[in-house]
């Protein structure tokens, strides 16, 4: 199963707005994606509650896993998202 290790760049960690953006992006990938904190248990990346429950803080290392056609592209996209400080980026107009 392909996986990517990435360090959380957002100042608030994977919480609130960064978590929302990540979960939405994970749900849009078209392949099942899971995330785990360190050596912990992996959880579905498209579940806001599960992602928030990880408690991944700024600087924490998480592992993304996906399986199926397009898994590598999905992981690259999500790893790129987590490696940015999503707190510092402006929210798109609603």
N, C-alpha and C. Protein backbone atom coordinates (compact mmCIF):
# COMPACT_ATOMS: atom_id res chain seq x y z
N UNK A 1 0.85 -1.18 0.00
CA UNK A 1 0.00 0.00 0.00
C UNK A 1 0.90 1.24 0.00
N UNK A 2 0.67 2.15 -0.94
CA UNK A 2 1.47 3.38 -0.97
C UNK A 2 1.22 4.23 0.28
N UNK A 3 2.25 4.90 0.71
CA UNK A 3 2.09 5.81 1.85
C UNK A 3 3.05 6.98 1.72
N UNK A 4 2.72 8.06 2.42
CA UNK A 4 3.56 9.26 2.48
C UNK A 4 3.65 9.70 3.93
N UNK A 5 4.83 10.11 4.33
CA UNK A 5 5.03 10.68 5.66
C UNK A 5 5.19 12.18 5.49
N UNK A 6 4.48 12.94 6.29
CA UNK A 6 4.51 14.40 6.16
C UNK A 6 4.44 15.03 7.55
N UNK A 7 5.07 16.19 7.68
CA UNK A 7 5.05 16.95 8.93
C UNK A 7 3.96 18.01 8.80
N UNK A 8 3.12 18.12 9.82
CA UNK A 8 2.02 19.09 9.83
C UNK A 8 2.60 20.50 9.94
N UNK A 9 2.32 21.34 8.95
CA UNK A 9 2.88 22.69 8.91
C UNK A 9 1.97 23.75 9.53
N UNK A 10 0.67 23.49 9.59
CA UNK A 10 -0.25 24.50 10.12
C UNK A 10 0.03 24.78 11.59
N UNK A 11 0.00 26.06 11.94
CA UNK A 11 0.30 26.49 13.31
C UNK A 11 -0.61 25.87 14.35
N UNK A 12 -1.87 25.65 13.99
CA UNK A 12 -2.81 25.05 14.93
C UNK A 12 -2.82 23.53 14.84
N UNK A 13 -1.96 22.98 14.01
CA UNK A 13 -1.95 21.54 13.80
C UNK A 13 -3.11 21.15 12.91
N UNK A 14 -3.49 19.90 12.98
CA UNK A 14 -4.59 19.40 12.16
C UNK A 14 -5.88 19.57 12.97
N UNK A 15 -6.28 20.82 13.11
CA UNK A 15 -7.41 21.20 13.94
C UNK A 15 -8.18 22.29 13.23
N UNK A 16 -9.46 22.39 13.48
CA UNK A 16 -10.33 23.43 12.96
C UNK A 16 -10.25 23.56 11.44
N UNK A 17 -9.88 24.74 10.96
CA UNK A 17 -9.88 24.98 9.52
C UNK A 17 -8.93 24.06 8.75
N UNK A 18 -7.68 23.87 9.18
CA UNK A 18 -6.81 22.95 8.45
C UNK A 18 -7.39 21.53 8.36
N UNK A 19 -8.01 21.07 9.44
CA UNK A 19 -8.61 19.73 9.41
C UNK A 19 -9.76 19.68 8.42
N UNK A 20 -10.57 20.72 8.41
CA UNK A 20 -11.70 20.77 7.48
C UNK A 20 -11.21 20.71 6.03
N UNK A 21 -10.20 21.51 5.71
CA UNK A 21 -9.67 21.52 4.35
C UNK A 21 -9.08 20.17 3.98
N UNK A 22 -8.38 19.55 4.91
CA UNK A 22 -7.77 18.24 4.65
C UNK A 22 -8.85 17.18 4.44
N UNK A 23 -9.85 17.13 5.31
CA UNK A 23 -10.92 16.13 5.20
C UNK A 23 -11.68 16.29 3.89
N UNK A 24 -11.98 17.53 3.50
CA UNK A 24 -12.67 17.76 2.24
C UNK A 24 -11.83 17.28 1.06
N UNK A 25 -10.53 17.56 1.09
CA UNK A 25 -9.64 17.14 0.02
C UNK A 25 -9.52 15.61 -0.01
N UNK A 26 -9.46 14.99 1.15
CA UNK A 26 -9.36 13.53 1.21
C UNK A 26 -10.62 12.88 0.64
N UNK A 27 -11.78 13.44 0.98
CA UNK A 27 -13.05 12.89 0.49
C UNK A 27 -13.18 13.02 -1.03
N UNK A 28 -12.52 14.00 -1.61
CA UNK A 28 -12.62 14.25 -3.05
C UNK A 28 -11.64 13.42 -3.88
N UNK A 29 -10.80 12.63 -3.24
CA UNK A 29 -9.73 11.92 -3.96
C UNK A 29 -10.21 10.76 -4.82
N UNK A 30 -11.32 10.14 -4.49
CA UNK A 30 -11.79 9.01 -5.28
C UNK A 30 -11.16 7.68 -4.90
N UNK A 31 -10.28 7.68 -3.92
CA UNK A 31 -9.71 6.44 -3.36
C UNK A 31 -9.76 6.56 -1.84
N UNK A 32 -9.91 5.44 -1.14
CA UNK A 32 -9.91 5.51 0.32
C UNK A 32 -8.53 5.90 0.84
N UNK A 33 -8.50 6.91 1.69
CA UNK A 33 -7.25 7.39 2.28
C UNK A 33 -7.37 7.28 3.79
N UNK A 34 -6.29 6.85 4.42
CA UNK A 34 -6.24 6.77 5.88
C UNK A 34 -5.05 7.59 6.36
N UNK A 35 -5.14 8.04 7.61
CA UNK A 35 -4.08 8.85 8.22
C UNK A 35 -3.80 8.31 9.61
N UNK A 36 -2.54 8.34 10.00
CA UNK A 36 -2.19 7.95 11.37
C UNK A 36 -1.12 8.89 11.90
N UNK A 37 -1.12 9.04 13.20
CA UNK A 37 -0.13 9.86 13.89
C UNK A 37 0.95 8.93 14.41
N UNK A 38 2.17 9.08 13.91
CA UNK A 38 3.27 8.23 14.33
C UNK A 38 2.97 6.76 14.08
N UNK A 39 3.15 5.95 15.11
CA UNK A 39 2.92 4.51 14.98
C UNK A 39 1.52 4.12 15.44
N UNK A 40 0.65 5.12 15.63
CA UNK A 40 -0.70 4.85 16.11
C UNK A 40 -1.59 4.19 15.08
N UNK A 41 -2.83 3.99 15.44
CA UNK A 41 -3.82 3.37 14.58
C UNK A 41 -4.26 4.35 13.50
N UNK A 42 -4.42 3.86 12.28
CA UNK A 42 -4.85 4.74 11.19
C UNK A 42 -6.37 4.91 11.24
N UNK A 43 -6.82 6.08 10.78
CA UNK A 43 -8.25 6.41 10.75
C UNK A 43 -8.60 6.92 9.36
N UNK A 44 -9.88 6.86 8.98
CA UNK A 44 -10.28 7.37 7.67
C UNK A 44 -10.00 8.87 7.57
N UNK A 45 -9.32 9.26 6.50
CA UNK A 45 -8.96 10.67 6.32
C UNK A 45 -10.15 11.53 5.93
N UNK A 46 -11.26 10.91 5.55
CA UNK A 46 -12.44 11.68 5.17
C UNK A 46 -13.43 11.84 6.32
N UNK A 47 -12.99 11.49 7.54
CA UNK A 47 -13.83 11.63 8.73
C UNK A 47 -13.31 12.77 9.60
N UNK A 48 -14.06 13.85 9.68
CA UNK A 48 -13.64 15.01 10.47
C UNK A 48 -13.41 14.62 11.94
N UNK A 49 -14.32 13.86 12.49
CA UNK A 49 -14.20 13.47 13.89
C UNK A 49 -12.94 12.64 14.12
N UNK A 50 -12.68 11.68 13.24
CA UNK A 50 -11.51 10.81 13.39
C UNK A 50 -10.21 11.61 13.24
N UNK A 51 -10.18 12.52 12.28
CA UNK A 51 -8.98 13.32 12.04
C UNK A 51 -8.72 14.25 13.23
N UNK A 52 -9.76 14.88 13.73
CA UNK A 52 -9.60 15.77 14.89
C UNK A 52 -9.16 14.99 16.12
N UNK A 53 -9.66 13.75 16.26
CA UNK A 53 -9.32 12.92 17.43
C UNK A 53 -7.85 12.51 17.43
N UNK A 54 -7.18 12.56 16.30
CA UNK A 54 -5.76 12.23 16.26
C UNK A 54 -4.94 13.18 17.15
N UNK A 55 -5.37 14.43 17.23
CA UNK A 55 -4.64 15.41 18.03
C UNK A 55 -3.28 15.77 17.43
N UNK A 56 -3.18 15.75 16.10
CA UNK A 56 -1.91 16.06 15.43
C UNK A 56 -1.62 17.55 15.52
N UNK A 57 -0.57 17.88 16.24
CA UNK A 57 -0.18 19.27 16.45
C UNK A 57 0.84 19.72 15.41
N UNK A 58 1.11 21.03 15.40
CA UNK A 58 2.12 21.60 14.51
C UNK A 58 3.44 20.84 14.71
N UNK A 59 4.05 20.42 13.61
CA UNK A 59 5.32 19.71 13.69
C UNK A 59 5.20 18.21 13.86
N UNK A 60 3.98 17.72 14.07
CA UNK A 60 3.79 16.27 14.23
C UNK A 60 3.96 15.57 12.88
N UNK A 61 4.45 14.35 12.94
CA UNK A 61 4.64 13.56 11.73
C UNK A 61 3.46 12.59 11.59
N UNK A 62 2.78 12.67 10.44
CA UNK A 62 1.67 11.77 10.16
C UNK A 62 1.99 10.94 8.93
N UNK A 63 1.34 9.79 8.83
CA UNK A 63 1.51 8.92 7.67
C UNK A 63 0.17 8.80 6.97
N UNK A 64 0.17 9.06 5.67
CA UNK A 64 -1.01 8.91 4.84
C UNK A 64 -0.89 7.61 4.07
N UNK A 65 -1.98 6.86 3.97
CA UNK A 65 -2.00 5.60 3.23
C UNK A 65 -3.21 5.59 2.31
N UNK A 66 -3.04 5.02 1.12
CA UNK A 66 -4.15 4.88 0.19
C UNK A 66 -3.92 3.64 -0.66
N UNK A 67 -5.01 3.13 -1.20
CA UNK A 67 -4.91 1.94 -2.03
C UNK A 67 -5.85 2.08 -3.22
N UNK A 68 -5.40 1.59 -4.36
CA UNK A 68 -6.23 1.60 -5.55
C UNK A 68 -5.66 2.50 -6.62
N UNK A 69 -6.31 2.50 -7.78
CA UNK A 69 -5.86 3.36 -8.88
C UNK A 69 -5.90 4.83 -8.47
N UNK A 70 -4.82 5.52 -8.69
CA UNK A 70 -4.75 6.93 -8.33
C UNK A 70 -4.26 7.18 -6.92
N UNK A 71 -3.87 6.12 -6.21
CA UNK A 71 -3.44 6.28 -4.81
C UNK A 71 -2.23 7.19 -4.69
N UNK A 72 -1.24 7.01 -5.56
CA UNK A 72 -0.03 7.83 -5.46
C UNK A 72 -0.33 9.31 -5.68
N UNK A 73 -1.14 9.61 -6.67
CA UNK A 73 -1.50 11.01 -6.95
C UNK A 73 -2.29 11.60 -5.78
N UNK A 74 -3.20 10.81 -5.21
CA UNK A 74 -3.99 11.28 -4.07
C UNK A 74 -3.08 11.59 -2.89
N UNK A 75 -2.14 10.71 -2.62
CA UNK A 75 -1.23 10.91 -1.49
C UNK A 75 -0.33 12.11 -1.71
N UNK A 76 0.15 12.29 -2.94
CA UNK A 76 0.98 13.46 -3.24
C UNK A 76 0.21 14.75 -3.01
N UNK A 77 -1.03 14.77 -3.46
CA UNK A 77 -1.87 15.96 -3.30
C UNK A 77 -2.11 16.27 -1.82
N UNK A 78 -2.48 15.26 -1.05
CA UNK A 78 -2.78 15.47 0.36
C UNK A 78 -1.52 15.80 1.17
N UNK A 79 -0.42 15.18 0.83
CA UNK A 79 0.84 15.49 1.52
C UNK A 79 1.24 16.94 1.25
N UNK A 80 1.04 17.39 0.03
CA UNK A 80 1.32 18.78 -0.30
C UNK A 80 0.46 19.74 0.50
N UNK A 81 -0.79 19.37 0.69
CA UNK A 81 -1.71 20.21 1.46
C UNK A 81 -1.25 20.31 2.93
N UNK A 82 -0.92 19.18 3.53
CA UNK A 82 -0.51 19.20 4.93
C UNK A 82 0.83 19.88 5.16
N UNK A 83 1.66 19.94 4.14
CA UNK A 83 2.98 20.55 4.29
C UNK A 83 2.94 22.07 4.17
N UNK A 84 1.74 22.63 3.94
CA UNK A 84 1.57 24.08 3.89
C UNK A 84 0.94 24.56 5.20
N UNK A 85 1.21 25.81 5.55
CA UNK A 85 0.57 26.41 6.73
C UNK A 85 -0.81 26.90 6.31
N UNK A 86 -1.80 26.05 6.46
CA UNK A 86 -3.16 26.40 6.03
C UNK A 86 -3.77 27.50 6.88
N UNK A 87 -3.23 27.73 8.06
CA UNK A 87 -3.71 28.83 8.90
C UNK A 87 -3.33 30.19 8.31
N UNK A 88 -2.21 30.24 7.60
CA UNK A 88 -1.70 31.49 7.07
C UNK A 88 -2.34 31.86 5.73
N UNK A 89 -2.98 30.89 5.09
CA UNK A 89 -3.62 31.14 3.79
C UNK A 89 -5.00 31.72 3.99
N UNK A 90 -5.36 32.61 3.10
CA UNK A 90 -6.68 33.23 3.19
C UNK A 90 -7.76 32.25 2.78
N UNK A 91 -8.90 32.32 3.46
CA UNK A 91 -10.03 31.48 3.10
C UNK A 91 -10.61 31.96 1.79
N UNK A 92 -11.02 31.02 0.92
CA UNK A 92 -11.65 31.43 -0.32
C UNK A 92 -12.97 32.14 -0.04
N UNK A 93 -13.36 33.03 -0.93
CA UNK A 93 -14.64 33.73 -0.76
C UNK A 93 -15.78 32.74 -0.79
N UNK A 94 -16.73 32.94 0.09
CA UNK A 94 -17.88 32.03 0.17
C UNK A 94 -18.95 32.41 -0.79
